[in-house]
PDB file of N, CA and C in Angstrom:
ATOM      1  N   LYS A   1      -2.476 -11.105  11.539  1.00  0.00           N
ATOM      2  CA  LYS A   1      -2.897  -9.513  11.007  1.00  0.00           C
ATOM      3  C   LYS A   1      -3.158  -9.979  11.736  1.00  0.00           C
ATOM      4  N   GLU A   2      -4.630 -10.490  12.706  1.00  0.00           N
ATOM      5  CA  GLU A   2      -5.871  -9.870  13.183  1.00  0.00           C
ATOM      6  C   GLU A   2      -5.400  -9.003  14.459  1.00  0.00           C
ATOM      7  N   ILE A   3      -3.887  -9.560  15.017  1.00  0.00           N
ATOM      8  CA  ILE A   3      -2.736  -8.574  15.893  1.00  0.00           C
ATOM      9  C   ILE A   3      -3.131  -7.238  15.583  1.00  0.00           C
ATOM     10  N   PHE A   4      -2.086  -6.967  14.109  1.00  0.00           N
ATOM     11  CA  PHE A   4      -2.258  -6.019  13.728  1.00  0.00           C
ATOM     12  C   PHE A   4      -3.685  -5.035  13.501  1.00  0.00           C
ATOM     13  N   LEU A   5      -4.357  -6.162  13.093  1.00  0.00           N
ATOM     14  CA  LEU A   5      -5.212  -4.785  12.996  1.00  0.00           C
ATOM     15  C   LEU A   5      -6.367  -4.269  14.209  1.00  0.00           C
ATOM     16  N   ASN A   6      -6.435  -5.187  15.213  1.00  0.00           N
ATOM     17  CA  ASN A   6      -6.715  -4.489  16.962  1.00  0.00           C
ATOM     18  C   ASN A   6      -5.710  -4.109  17.200  1.00  0.00           C
ATOM     19  N   LEU A   7      -4.617  -3.688  16.660  1.00  0.00           N
ATOM     20  CA  LEU A   7      -3.890  -2.696  17.019  1.00  0.00           C
ATOM     21  C   LEU A   7      -4.396  -1.814  16.851  1.00  0.00           C
ATOM     22  N   SER A   8      -3.820  -1.441  15.621  1.00  0.00           N
ATOM     23  CA  SER A   8      -4.236   0.101  14.500  1.00  0.00           C
ATOM     24  C   SER A   8      -5.594   0.583  15.404  1.00  0.00           C
ATOM     25  N   ARG A   9      -7.032  -0.898  15.425  1.00  0.00           N
ATOM     26  CA  ARG A   9      -7.920   0.106  15.678  1.00  0.00           C
ATOM     27  C   ARG A   9      -8.396   0.494  16.704  1.00  0.00           C
ATOM     28  N   ASN A  10      -7.500   0.121  17.904  1.00  0.00           N
ATOM     29  CA  ASN A  10      -7.230   0.617  18.860  1.00  0.00           C
ATOM     30  C   ASN A  10      -6.471   2.183  18.959  1.00  0.00           C
ATOM     31  N   GLN A  11      -5.494   2.183  18.227  1.00  0.00           N
ATOM     32  CA  GLN A  11      -4.306   3.451  18.473  1.00  0.00           C
ATOM     33  C   GLN A  11      -5.044   4.612  17.419  1.00  0.00           C
ATOM     34  N   LEU A  12      -5.645   4.027  15.811  1.00  0.00           N
ATOM     35  CA  LEU A  12      -5.929   5.262  15.387  1.00  0.00           C
ATOM     36  C   LEU A  12      -7.730   5.256  15.581  1.00  0.00           C
ATOM     37  N   ASN A  13      -8.056   4.816  16.184  1.00  0.00           N
ATOM     38  CA  ASN A  13     -10.064   4.958  16.881  1.00  0.00           C
ATOM     39  C   ASN A  13     -10.517   4.691  15.278  1.00  0.00           C
ATOM     40  N   LEU A  14     -10.112   4.161  14.353  1.00  0.00           N
ATOM     41  CA  LEU A  14     -11.026   3.983  13.392  1.00  0.00           C
ATOM     42  C   LEU A  14     -12.267   2.964  13.650  1.00  0.00           C
ATOM     43  N   SER A  15     -13.371   3.906  12.564  1.00  0.00           N
ATOM     44  CA  SER A  15     -14.184   2.897  12.221  1.00  0.00           C
ATOM     45  C   SER A  15     -14.720   2.912  11.285  1.00  0.00           C
ATOM     46  N   SER A  16     -15.112   1.642  10.489  1.00  0.00           N
ATOM     47  CA  SER A  16     -15.451   1.547   9.797  1.00  0.00           C
ATOM     48  C   SER A  16     -16.715   2.698   9.174  1.00  0.00           C
ATOM     49  N   LYS A  17     -17.673   3.022  10.108  1.00  0.00           N
ATOM     50  CA  LYS A  17     -18.665   3.913  10.104  1.00  0.00           C
ATOM     51  C   LYS A  17     -18.707   5.159   9.293  1.00  0.00           C
ATOM     52  N   LEU A  18     -17.513   5.409   9.486  1.00  0.00           N
ATOM     53  CA  LEU A  18     -16.618   6.900   9.314  1.00  0.00           C
ATOM     54  C   LEU A  18     -16.797   6.812   7.663  1.00  0.00           C
ATOM     55  N   PHE A  19     -16.095   5.900   6.660  1.00  0.00           N
ATOM     56  CA  PHE A  19     -15.967   5.757   5.197  1.00  0.00           C
ATOM     57  C   PHE A  19     -17.107   5.646   4.813  1.00  0.00           C
ATOM     58  N   GLU A  20     -18.175   4.563   5.291  1.00  0.00           N
ATOM     59  CA  GLU A  20     -19.576   4.050   4.616  1.00  0.00           C
ATOM     60  C   GLU A  20     -20.538   5.194   4.096  1.00  0.00           C
ATOM     61  N   ASN A  21     -21.564   4.680   2.786  1.00  0.00           N
ATOM     62  CA  ASN A  21     -21.984   5.751   1.959  1.00  0.00           C
ATOM     63  C   ASN A  21     -21.102   7.099   1.780  1.00  0.00           C
ATOM     64  N   LYS A  22     -19.611   6.208   1.697  1.00  0.00           N
ATOM     65  CA  LYS A  22     -19.159   7.818   0.772  1.00  0.00           C
ATOM     66  C   LYS A  22     -18.661   7.450  -1.255  1.00  0.00           C
ATOM     67  N   GLY A  23     -19.759   6.566  -1.606  1.00  0.00           N
ATOM     68  CA  GLY A  23     -19.625   6.455  -2.754  1.00  0.00           C
ATOM     69  C   GLY A  23     -18.560   5.449  -3.777  1.00  0.00           C
ATOM     70  N   PHE A  24     -18.290   5.094  -2.256  1.00  0.00           N
ATOM     71  CA  PHE A  24     -17.192   3.846  -2.712  1.00  0.00           C
ATOM     72  C   PHE A  24     -16.958   2.947  -2.411  1.00  0.00           C
ATOM     73  N   LYS A  25     -16.851   1.622  -3.159  1.00  0.00           N
ATOM     74  CA  LYS A  25     -17.128   0.473  -3.050  1.00  0.00           C
ATOM     75  C   LYS A  25     -16.224  -0.252  -2.206  1.00  0.00           C
ATOM     76  N   ASN A  26     -14.716   0.276  -1.738  1.00  0.00           N
ATOM     77  CA  ASN A  26     -13.502   0.056  -1.609  1.00  0.00           C
ATOM     78  C   ASN A  26     -12.546   1.498  -1.662  1.00  0.00           C
ATOM     79  N   ILE A  27     -12.370   1.583  -0.298  1.00  0.00           N
ATOM     80  CA  ILE A  27     -11.231   2.362   0.182  1.00  0.00           C
ATOM     81  C   ILE A  27      -9.952   1.932   0.294  1.00  0.00           C
ATOM     82  N   PHE A  28      -8.710   1.764  -0.656  1.00  0.00           N
ATOM     83  CA  PHE A  28      -7.706   1.475   0.506  1.00  0.00           C
ATOM     84  C   PHE A  28      -6.494   2.330   0.184  1.00  0.00           C
ATOM     85  N   LEU A  29      -6.152   1.765   1.303  1.00  0.00           N
ATOM     86  CA  LEU A  29      -4.642   2.881   2.188  1.00  0.00           C
ATOM     87  C   LEU A  29      -3.505   2.118   1.907  1.00  0.00           C
ATOM     88  N   MET A  30      -2.555   2.939   1.464  1.00  0.00           N
ATOM     89  CA  MET A  30      -0.803   1.839   1.048  1.00  0.00           C
ATOM     90  C   MET A  30      -0.108   2.592   1.475  1.00  0.00           C
ATOM     91  N   ASP A  31       0.590   2.251   2.716  1.00  0.00           N
ATOM     92  CA  ASP A  31       1.849   2.711   3.650  1.00  0.00           C
ATOM     93  C   ASP A  31       2.937   2.470   3.464  1.00  0.00           C
ATOM     94  N   SER A  32       3.728   2.629   3.396  1.00  0.00           N
ATOM     95  CA  SER A  32       5.238   1.646   4.578  1.00  0.00           C
ATOM     96  C   SER A  32       5.704   2.973   5.426  1.00  0.00           C
ATOM     97  N   SER A  33       6.558   1.841   6.052  1.00  0.00           N
ATOM     98  CA  SER A  33       7.924   1.736   6.930  1.00  0.00           C
ATOM     99  C   SER A  33       9.097   1.477   6.675  1.00  0.00           C
ATOM    100  N   GLU A  34      10.686   1.871   6.789  1.00  0.00           N
ATOM    101  CA  GLU A  34      10.777   1.348   6.711  1.00  0.00           C
ATOM    102  C   GLU A  34      12.010   1.953   8.210  1.00  0.00           C
ATOM    103  N   ILE A  35      12.788   0.406   8.698  1.00  0.00           N
ATOM    104  CA  ILE A  35      13.303  -0.295  10.259  1.00  0.00           C
ATOM    105  C   ILE A  35      15.053   0.437  10.060  1.00  0.00           C
ATOM    106  N   LYS A  36      15.508   0.522  11.061  1.00  0.00           N
ATOM    107  CA  LYS A  36      17.057   0.392   9.987  1.00  0.00           C
ATOM    108  C   LYS A  36      17.063  -0.469  11.399  1.00  0.00           C
ATOM    109  N   LEU A  37      18.043  -1.324  11.020  1.00  0.00           N
ATOM    110  CA  LEU A  37      18.443  -2.519  11.367  1.00  0.00           C
ATOM    111  C   LEU A  37      19.533  -2.534  11.729  1.00  0.00           C
ATOM    112  N   PRO A  38      20.265  -3.611  12.453  1.00  0.00           N
ATOM    113  CA  PRO A  38      21.928  -3.612  12.434  1.00  0.00           C
ATOM    114  C   PRO A  38      23.006  -3.810  11.204  1.00  0.00           C
ATOM    115  N   VAL A  39      23.876  -3.558  11.447  1.00  0.00           N
ATOM    116  CA  VAL A  39      25.061  -3.622  10.136  1.00  0.00           C
ATOM    117  C   VAL A  39      24.827  -4.775   9.646  1.00  0.00           C
ATOM    118  N   ASN A  40      24.619  -6.042  10.357  1.00  0.00           N
ATOM    119  CA  ASN A  40      25.213  -7.151  10.351  1.00  0.00           C
ATOM    120  C   ASN A  40      24.198  -7.648  10.085  1.00  0.00           C
ATOM    121  N   HIS A  41      22.977  -7.135   9.047  1.00  0.00           N
ATOM    122  CA  HIS A  41      22.056  -8.100   8.689  1.00  0.00           C
ATOM    123  C   HIS A  41      22.138  -7.217   7.470  1.00  0.00           C
ATOM    124  N   LYS A  42      23.306  -6.703   6.846  1.00  0.00           N
ATOM    125  CA  LYS A  42      22.993  -5.735   5.416  1.00  0.00           C
ATOM    126  C   LYS A  42      23.115  -6.655   3.847  1.00  0.00           C
ATOM    127  N   ASP A  43      23.535  -7.653   4.348  1.00  0.00           N
ATOM    128  CA  ASP A  43      23.553  -9.063   2.984  1.00  0.00           C
ATOM    129  C   ASP A  43      21.758  -8.841   2.528  1.00  0.00           C
ATOM    130  N   LYS A  44      21.230  -9.544   3.580  1.00  0.00           N
ATOM    131  CA  LYS A  44      19.709  -9.925   3.874  1.00  0.00           C
ATOM    132  C   LYS A  44      18.687  -8.663   3.902  1.00  0.00           C
ATOM    133  N   TYR A  45      19.496  -7.599   3.959  1.00  0.00           N
ATOM    134  CA  TYR A  45      18.295  -6.271   3.730  1.00  0.00           C
ATOM    135  C   TYR A  45      19.001  -4.930   3.482  1.00  0.00           C
ATOM    136  N   LYS A  46      19.018  -5.316   2.961  1.00  0.00           N
ATOM    137  CA  LYS A  46      20.119  -4.149   2.113  1.00  0.00           C
ATOM    138  C   LYS A  46      19.614  -2.729   1.988  1.00  0.00           C
ATOM    139  N   GLY A  47      20.020  -1.496   2.556  1.00  0.00           N
ATOM    140  CA  GLY A  47      19.432  -0.241   2.885  1.00  0.00           C
ATOM    141  C   GLY A  47      19.925   0.534   1.129  1.00  0.00           C
ATOM    142  N   SER A  48      19.667   1.591   1.391  1.00  0.00           N
ATOM    143  CA  SER A  48      19.381   2.542  -0.136  1.00  0.00           C
ATOM    144  C   SER A  48      20.836   3.228   0.595  1.00  0.00           C
ATOM    145  N   ASN A  49      21.540   3.337   1.019  1.00  0.00           N
ATOM    146  CA  ASN A  49      23.599   4.161   0.910  1.00  0.00           C
ATOM    147  C   ASN A  49      23.514   3.832   2.229  1.00  0.00           C
ATOM    148  N   LYS A  50      25.087   4.353   2.109  1.00  0.00           N
ATOM    149  CA  LYS A  50      26.096   4.208   3.302  1.00  0.00           C
ATOM    150  C   LYS A  50      25.799   4.617   4.491  1.00  0.00           C
ATOM    151  N   SER A  51      25.086   5.708   4.394  1.00  0.00           N
ATOM    152  CA  SER A  51      24.161   5.966   5.666  1.00  0.00           C
ATOM    153  C   SER A  51      23.714   5.481   6.631  1.00  0.00           C
ATOM    154  N   ASN A  52      22.662   4.261   5.752  1.00  0.00           N
ATOM    155  CA  ASN A  52      21.726   3.276   6.059  1.00  0.00           C
ATOM    156  C   ASN A  52      22.001   1.768   5.065  1.00  0.00           C
ATOM    157  N   PRO A  53      22.967   1.281   5.658  1.00  0.00           N
ATOM    158  CA  PRO A  53      23.404   0.020   5.205  1.00  0.00           C
ATOM    159  C   PRO A  53      22.601  -1.389   5.264  1.00  0.00           C
ATOM    160  N   SER A  54      21.713  -1.174   6.755  1.00  0.00           N
ATOM    161  CA  SER A  54      20.824  -2.665   6.299  1.00  0.00           C
ATOM    162  C   SER A  54      19.524  -2.201   6.896  1.00  0.00           C
ATOM    163  N   VAL A  55      18.545  -1.577   6.029  1.00  0.00           N
ATOM    164  CA  VAL A  55      17.168  -1.714   6.438  1.00  0.00           C
ATOM    165  C   VAL A  55      15.910  -2.653   5.582  1.00  0.00           C
ATOM    166  N   LEU A  56      14.920  -2.530   6.659  1.00  0.00           N
ATOM    167  CA  LEU A  56      13.627  -3.496   6.192  1.00  0.00           C
ATOM    168  C   LEU A  56      12.670  -2.827   6.548  1.00  0.00           C
ATOM    169  N   LYS A  57      12.043  -3.243   4.648  1.00  0.00           N
ATOM    170  CA  LYS A  57      10.553  -2.005   4.176  1.00  0.00           C
ATOM    171  C   LYS A  57       9.758  -2.901   4.617  1.00  0.00           C
ATOM    172  N   VAL A  58       8.256  -2.392   5.120  1.00  0.00           N
ATOM    173  CA  VAL A  58       7.782  -3.058   4.832  1.00  0.00           C
ATOM    174  C   VAL A  58       6.177  -1.770   3.927  1.00  0.00           C
ATOM    175  N   ASN A  59       5.800  -2.781   3.387  1.00  0.00           N
ATOM    176  CA  ASN A  59       4.232  -1.968   2.928  1.00  0.00           C
ATOM    177  C   ASN A  59       3.422  -2.558   3.031  1.00  0.00           C
ATOM    178  N   LEU A  60       2.318  -1.838   3.511  1.00  0.00           N
ATOM    179  CA  LEU A  60       0.549  -2.165   3.917  1.00  0.00           C
ATOM    180  C   LEU A  60      -0.141  -2.080   2.275  1.00  0.00           C
ATOM    181  N   LEU A  61      -1.081  -2.915   2.939  1.00  0.00           N
ATOM    182  CA  LEU A  61      -2.040  -2.596   1.850  1.00  0.00           C
ATOM    183  C   LEU A  61      -3.678  -3.230   2.790  1.00  0.00           C
ATOM    184  N   ILE A  62      -4.605  -1.930   3.157  1.00  0.00           N
ATOM    185  CA  ILE A  62      -5.145  -1.532   4.247  1.00  0.00           C
ATOM    186  C   ILE A  62      -6.902  -1.272   2.930  1.00  0.00           C
ATOM    187  N   GLU A  63      -7.294  -1.984   3.326  1.00  0.00           N
ATOM    188  CA  GLU A  63      -9.468  -2.333   2.781  1.00  0.00           C
ATOM    189  C   GLU A  63      -9.805  -1.596   4.146  1.00  0.00           C
ATOM    190  N   LEU A  64     -10.461  -0.132   3.716  1.00  0.00           N
ATOM    191  CA  LEU A  64     -10.960   0.444   4.509  1.00  0.00           C
ATOM    192  C   LEU A  64     -12.046   0.043   5.175  1.00  0.00           C
ATOM    193  N   LEU A  65     -13.182   0.327   4.202  1.00  0.00           N
ATOM    194  CA  LEU A  65     -14.551  -0.456   5.052  1.00  0.00           C
ATOM    195  C   LEU A  65     -14.361  -1.888   5.117  1.00  0.00           C
ATOM    196  N   GLY A  66     -14.032  -2.635   4.860  1.00  0.00           N
ATOM    197  CA  GLY A  66     -13.731  -3.892   6.051  1.00  0.00           C
ATOM    198  C   GLY A  66     -13.091  -3.696   7.165  1.00  0.00           C
ATOM    199  N   TYR A  67     -12.124  -2.700   6.631  1.00  0.00           N
ATOM    200  CA  TYR A  67     -10.633  -2.393   7.890  1.00  0.00           C
ATOM    201  C   TYR A  67     -10.085  -3.891   7.745  1.00  0.00           C
ATOM    202  N   SER A  68      -9.779  -4.255   6.594  1.00  0.00           N
ATOM    203  CA  SER A  68      -8.805  -6.272   6.603  1.00  0.00           C
ATOM    204  C   SER A  68      -7.491  -5.554   5.695  1.00  0.00           C
ATOM    205  N   LEU A  69      -6.783  -5.757   6.239  1.00  0.00           N
ATOM    206  CA  LEU A  69      -5.176  -6.208   5.829  1.00  0.00           C
ATOM    207  C   LEU A  69      -5.100  -7.228   4.183  1.00  0.00           C
ATOM    208  N   GLU A  70      -4.675  -6.105   3.083  1.00  0.00           N
ATOM    209  CA  GLU A  70      -5.266  -7.116   2.006  1.00  0.00           C
ATOM    210  C   GLU A  70      -4.099  -7.467   1.801  1.00  0.00           C
ATOM    211  N   ASN A  71      -3.057  -6.290   1.603  1.00  0.00           N
ATOM    212  CA  ASN A  71      -1.411  -7.170   1.327  1.00  0.00           C
ATOM    213  C   ASN A  71      -0.515  -6.491   2.552  1.00  0.00           C
ATOM    214  N   LEU A  72       0.834  -7.366   3.012  1.00  0.00           N
ATOM    215  CA  LEU A  72       1.416  -7.364   3.400  1.00  0.00           C
ATOM    216  C   LEU A  72       2.831  -7.459   2.911  1.00  0.00           C
ATOM    217  N   VAL A  73       3.995  -6.675   2.811  1.00  0.00           N
ATOM    218  CA  VAL A  73       5.607  -7.483   1.793  1.00  0.00           C
ATOM    219  C   VAL A  73       6.305  -6.832   2.777  1.00  0.00           C
ATOM    220  N   VAL A  74       6.557  -7.066   3.388  1.00  0.00           N
ATOM    221  CA  VAL A  74       8.639  -7.423   3.767  1.00  0.00           C
ATOM    222  C   VAL A  74       9.716  -7.480   3.052  1.00  0.00           C
ATOM    223  N   SER A  75      10.591  -6.330   2.758  1.00  0.00           N
ATOM    224  CA  SER A  75      11.076  -6.709   1.776  1.00  0.00           C
ATOM    225  C   SER A  75      12.995  -5.705   2.225  1.00  0.00           C
ATOM    226  N   GLU A  76      13.949  -5.566   1.455  1.00  0.00           N
ATOM    227  CA  GLU A  76      15.452  -4.850   1.714  1.00  0.00           C
ATOM    228  C   GLU A  76      14.469  -3.106   1.598  1.00  0.00           C
ATOM    229  N   GLY A  77      15.386  -2.442   2.406  1.00  0.00           N
ATOM    230  CA  GLY A  77      14.872  -1.319   2.039  1.00  0.00           C
ATOM    231  C   GLY A  77      15.459  -0.550   0.663  1.00  0.00           C
ATOM    232  N   ARG A  78      16.420  -1.514  -0.034  1.00  0.00           N
ATOM    233  CA  ARG A  78      16.118  -0.203  -1.420  1.00  0.00           C
ATOM    234  C   ARG A  78      15.207  -0.612  -2.747  1.00  0.00           C
ATOM    235  N   MET A  79      13.692  -1.174  -2.314  1.00  0.00           N
ATOM    236  CA  MET A  79      12.419  -1.408  -3.340  1.00  0.00           C
ATOM    237  C   MET A  79      12.075  -0.089  -2.754  1.00  0.00           C
ATOM    238  N   ASN A  80      12.163   0.287  -4.138  1.00  0.00           N
ATOM    239  CA  ASN A  80      10.833   1.376  -4.700  1.00  0.00           C
ATOM    240  C   ASN A  80       9.306   0.821  -4.150  1.00  0.00           C
ATOM    241  N   GLU A  81       8.331   1.770  -3.638  1.00  0.00           N
ATOM    242  CA  GLU A  81       7.074   1.733  -2.986  1.00  0.00           C
ATOM    243  C   GLU A  81       6.972   1.862  -3.970  1.00  0.00           C
ATOM    244  N   HIS A  82       6.892   1.943  -5.409  1.00  0.00           N
ATOM    245  CA  HIS A  82       6.038   1.908  -6.722  1.00  0.00           C
ATOM    246  C   HIS A  82       5.538   0.839  -7.205  1.00  0.00           C
ATOM    247  N   ASN A  83       6.968  -0.499  -6.912  1.00  0.00           N
ATOM    248  CA  ASN A  83       6.610  -2.013  -7.330  1.00  0.00           C
ATOM    249  C   ASN A  83       5.716  -2.435  -6.358  1.00  0.00           C
ATOM    250  N   PHE A  84       5.185  -1.654  -5.655  1.00  0.00           N
ATOM    251  CA  PHE A  84       4.497  -2.383  -4.705  1.00  0.00           C
ATOM    252  C   PHE A  84       2.915  -2.045  -4.820  1.00  0.00           C
ATOM    253  N   SER A  85       2.587  -1.544  -5.662  1.00  0.00           N
ATOM    254  CA  SER A  85       1.359  -0.388  -6.442  1.00  0.00           C
ATOM    255  C   SER A  85       0.343  -1.776  -6.797  1.00  0.00           C
ATOM    256  N   LYS A  86       1.243  -2.529  -7.701  1.00  0.00           N
ATOM    257  CA  LYS A  86       0.395  -3.573  -8.463  1.00  0.00           C
ATOM    258  C   LYS A  86      -0.224  -4.723  -7.306  1.00  0.00           C
ATOM    259  N   TYR A  87       0.304  -4.786  -6.201  1.00  0.00           N
ATOM    260  CA  TYR A  87      -0.965  -5.539  -5.196  1.00  0.00           C
ATOM    261  C   TYR A  87      -2.143  -5.239  -4.951  1.00  0.00           C
ATOM    262  N   VAL A  88      -2.809  -3.665  -5.666  1.00  0.00           N
ATOM    263  CA  VAL A  88      -3.952  -3.255  -5.398  1.00  0.00           C
ATOM    264  C   VAL A  88      -5.006  -3.243  -6.616  1.00  0.00           C
ATOM    265  N   TYR A  89      -4.399  -4.092  -7.356  1.00  0.00           N
ATOM    266  CA  TYR A  89      -5.368  -3.365  -8.829  1.00  0.00           C
ATOM    267  C   TYR A  89      -5.575  -4.400  -9.071  1.00  0.00           C
ATOM    268  N   ASP A  90      -5.767  -5.771  -8.817  1.00  0.00           N
ATOM    269  CA  ASP A  90      -6.633  -7.370  -8.810  1.00  0.00           C
ATOM    270  C   ASP A  90      -8.076  -6.394  -8.302  1.00  0.00           C
ATOM    271  N   LYS A  91      -7.356  -5.801  -7.607  1.00  0.00           N
ATOM    272  CA  LYS A  91      -8.574  -5.546  -6.101  1.00  0.00           C
ATOM    273  C   LYS A  91      -9.749  -4.684  -6.527  1.00  0.00           C
ATOM    274  N   LEU A  92      -8.758  -4.268  -7.777  1.00  0.00           N
ATOM    275  CA  LEU A  92      -9.783  -2.366  -7.861  1.00  0.00           C
ATOM    276  C   LEU A  92     -11.234  -2.315  -8.724  1.00  0.00           C
ATOM    277  N   SER A  93     -12.023  -1.909  -8.503  1.00  0.00           N
ATOM    278  CA  SER A  93     -13.382  -1.282  -9.493  1.00  0.00           C
ATOM    279  C   SER A  93     -13.053   0.153  -9.809  1.00  0.00           C
ATOM    280  N   VAL A  94     -14.725   0.296 -10.575  1.00  0.00           N
ATOM    281  CA  VAL A  94     -14.805   1.475 -11.097  1.00  0.00           C
ATOM    282  C   VAL A  94     -15.102   2.202  -9.879  1.00  0.00           C
ATOM    283  N   ASP A  95     -15.350   2.102  -8.913  1.00  0.00           N
ATOM    284  CA  ASP A  95     -15.812   3.076  -7.617  1.00  0.00           C
ATOM    285  C   ASP A  95     -14.969   2.465  -6.514  1.00  0.00           C
ATOM    286  N   SER A  96     -13.579   2.294  -6.976  1.00  0.00           N
ATOM    287  CA  SER A  96     -12.385   2.140  -5.612  1.00  0.00           C
ATOM    288  C   SER A  96     -12.159   3.025  -5.747  1.00  0.00           C
ATOM    289  N   LEU A  97     -10.892   3.546  -4.165  1.00  0.00           N
ATOM    290  CA  LEU A  97     -10.471   4.636  -4.088  1.00  0.00           C
ATOM    291  C   LEU A  97      -9.642   4.498  -2.975  1.00  0.00           C
ATOM    292  N   VAL A  98      -8.147   4.690  -4.857  1.00  0.00           N
ATOM    293  CA  VAL A  98      -6.537   4.008  -3.457  1.00  0.00           C
ATOM    294  C   VAL A  98      -6.246   5.724  -3.152  1.00  0.00           C
ATOM    295  N   MET A  99      -6.146   5.189  -1.731  1.00  0.00           N
ATOM    296  CA  MET A  99      -4.914   6.284  -0.386  1.00  0.00           C
ATOM    297  C   MET A  99      -3.767   5.731  -0.911  1.00  0.00           C
ATOM    298  N   LYS A 100      -2.509   6.996  -1.603  1.00  0.00           N
ATOM    299  CA  LYS A 100      -1.088   6.129  -1.547  1.00  0.00           C
ATOM    300  C   LYS A 100      -0.714   7.659  -1.424  1.00  0.00           C
ATOM    301  N   ASP A 101       1.037   7.372  -1.003  1.00  0.00           N
ATOM    302  CA  ASP A 101       2.006   8.836  -1.627  1.00  0.00           C
ATOM    303  C   ASP A 101       2.732   8.877  -2.277  1.00  0.00           C
ATOM    304  N   LEU A 102       3.119  10.059  -2.787  1.00  0.00           N
ATOM    305  CA  LEU A 102       3.692  10.017  -4.109  1.00  0.00           C
ATOM    306  C   LEU A 102       5.056   9.390  -4.526  1.00  0.00           C
ATOM    307  N   GLY A 103       5.708   8.546  -3.163  1.00  0.00           N
ATOM    308  CA  GLY A 103       6.440   7.507  -3.457  1.00  0.00           C
ATOM    309  C   GLY A 103       5.742   6.358  -4.251  1.00  0.00           C
ATOM    310  N   TYR A 104       5.216   6.128  -4.121  1.00  0.00           N
ATOM    311  CA  TYR A 104       4.346   5.090  -4.448  1.00  0.00           C
ATOM    312  C   TYR A 104       3.680   5.517  -6.285  1.00  0.00           C
ATOM    313  N   TYR A 105       4.134   6.533  -6.513  1.00  0.00           N
ATOM    314  CA  TYR A 105       3.343   7.512  -7.718  1.00  0.00           C
ATOM    315  C   TYR A 105       4.865   6.636  -9.158  1.00  0.00           C
ATOM    316  N   LYS A 106       3.655   5.877 -10.031  1.00  0.00           N
ATOM    317  CA  LYS A 106       4.889   6.773 -11.265  1.00  0.00           C
ATOM    318  C   LYS A 106       4.045   6.545 -12.851  1.00  0.00           C
ATOM    319  N   TYR A 107       4.647   7.630 -13.219  1.00  0.00           N
ATOM    320  CA  TYR A 107       3.972   7.819 -14.696  1.00  0.00           C
ATOM    321  C   TYR A 107       3.311   6.873 -15.605  1.00  0.00           C
ATOM    322  N   ASP A 108       4.012   6.085 -16.207  1.00  0.00           N
ATOM    323  CA  ASP A 108       3.184   5.177 -16.695  1.00  0.00           C
ATOM    324  C   ASP A 108       2.603   4.060 -16.034  1.00  0.00           C
ATOM    325  N   ASP A 109       2.519   3.867 -14.915  1.00  0.00           N
ATOM    326  CA  ASP A 109       1.453   3.270 -13.994  1.00  0.00           C
ATOM    327  C   ASP A 109       0.674   3.705 -13.811  1.00  0.00           C
ATOM    328  N   LEU A 110       0.408   5.751 -14.251  1.00  0.00           N
ATOM    329  CA  LEU A 110      -0.660   6.009 -13.737  1.00  0.00           C
ATOM    330  C   LEU A 110      -1.675   5.894 -15.075  1.00  0.00           C
ATOM    331  N   LYS A 111      -0.701   5.986 -16.128  1.00  0.00           N
ATOM    332  CA  LYS A 111      -0.864   6.070 -17.610  1.00  0.00           C
ATOM    333  C   LYS A 111      -1.579   4.153 -18.869  1.00  0.00           C
ATOM    334  N   GLN A 112      -1.241   3.323 -17.933  1.00  0.00           N
ATOM    335  CA  GLN A 112      -1.994   2.250 -17.597  1.00  0.00           C
ATOM    336  C   GLN A 112      -3.013   2.083 -17.299  1.00  0.00           C
ATOM    337  N   ARG A 113      -2.880   2.587 -15.569  1.00  0.00           N
ATOM    338  CA  ARG A 113      -4.646   2.367 -15.522  1.00  0.00           C
ATOM    339  C   ARG A 113      -5.983   3.011 -16.174  1.00  0.00           C
ATOM    340  N   CYS A 114      -5.103   4.325 -16.434  1.00  0.00           N
ATOM    341  CA  CYS A 114      -6.253   5.885 -17.649  1.00  0.00           C
ATOM    342  C   CYS A 114      -6.874   4.970 -18.308  1.00  0.00           C
ATOM    343  N   ALA A 115      -5.623   4.162 -19.108  1.00  0.00           N
ATOM    344  CA  ALA A 115      -5.964   3.304 -20.526  1.00  0.00           C
ATOM    345  C   ALA A 115      -7.338   2.239 -19.973  1.00  0.00           C
ATOM    346  N   LEU A 116      -6.456   1.651 -18.924  1.00  0.00           N
ATOM    347  CA  LEU A 116      -8.226   0.217 -18.526  1.00  0.00           C
ATOM    348  C   LEU A 116      -9.104   0.746 -18.325  1.00  0.00           C
ATOM    349  N   HIS A 117      -9.254   2.073 -17.321  1.00  0.00           N
ATOM    350  CA  HIS A 117     -10.579   2.631 -17.108  1.00  0.00           C
ATOM    351  C   HIS A 117     -11.178   3.187 -19.064  1.00  0.00           C
ATOM    352  N   LEU A 118     -10.812   4.113 -18.899  1.00  0.00           N
ATOM    353  CA  LEU A 118     -11.240   4.222 -20.331  1.00  0.00           C
ATOM    354  C   LEU A 118     -11.629   3.516 -21.079  1.00  0.00           C
ATOM    355  N   LYS A 119     -11.643   2.579 -20.970  1.00  0.00           N
ATOM    356  CA  LYS A 119     -10.980   0.351 -22.196  1.00  0.00           C
ATOM    357  C   LYS A 119     -13.344   0.772 -21.577  1.00  0.00           C
ATOM    358  N   SER A 120     -12.847   0.269 -20.206  1.00  0.00           N
ATOM    359  CA  SER A 120     -14.082  -0.694 -19.296  1.00  0.00           C
ATOM    360  C   SER A 120     -15.105   0.696 -20.182  1.00  0.00           C
ATOM    361  N   LYS A 121     -14.692   2.044 -19.504  1.00  0.00           N
ATOM    362  CA  LYS A 121     -16.379   2.789 -19.477  1.00  0.00           C
ATOM    363  C   LYS A 121     -16.811   2.702 -20.934  1.00  0.00           C
ATOM    364  N   SER A 122     -15.880   2.549 -22.375  1.00  0.00           N
ATOM    365  CA  SER A 122     -16.091   2.813 -23.090  1.00  0.00           C
ATOM    366  C   SER A 122     -17.213   1.281 -23.461  1.00  0.00           C
ATOM    367  N   ARG A 123     -17.463  -0.002 -23.140  1.00  0.00           N
ATOM    368  CA  ARG A 123     -17.767  -1.054 -23.246  1.00  0.00           C
ATOM    369  C   ARG A 123     -19.306  -0.937 -22.347  1.00  0.00           C
ATOM    370  N   GLY A 124     -19.434   0.166 -21.289  1.00  0.00           N
ATOM    371  CA  GLY A 124     -20.483   0.636 -20.739  1.00  0.00           C
ATOM    372  C   GLY A 124     -21.012   1.639 -21.304  1.00  0.00           C
TER     373      GLY A 124
END
């Protein structure tokens, strides 16, 4: 975890000061990468089709203000990104920002999050 964070800081040259005082308590970044594996790994790390029979998927959740790795999930390549959105929900507050690409988007998920947000606003 520390090696990953240090390499990321150096490569991206990110400073938490870039994100300070923007009105958010937390800023989360979700992203994933796929790595093609040799075919002999296809039983454990199944790919999504015949041209990619063995794929390793790595999903990351990084909090940018504290620049901490909040979650790392390694899975087979057939897993959809929207399955990993659940790892951020227990970390959210009203003043959190989550940045993720459309692969993580699922309408039912968005509807549920909006309902929770409206419910919390009606209490306050």
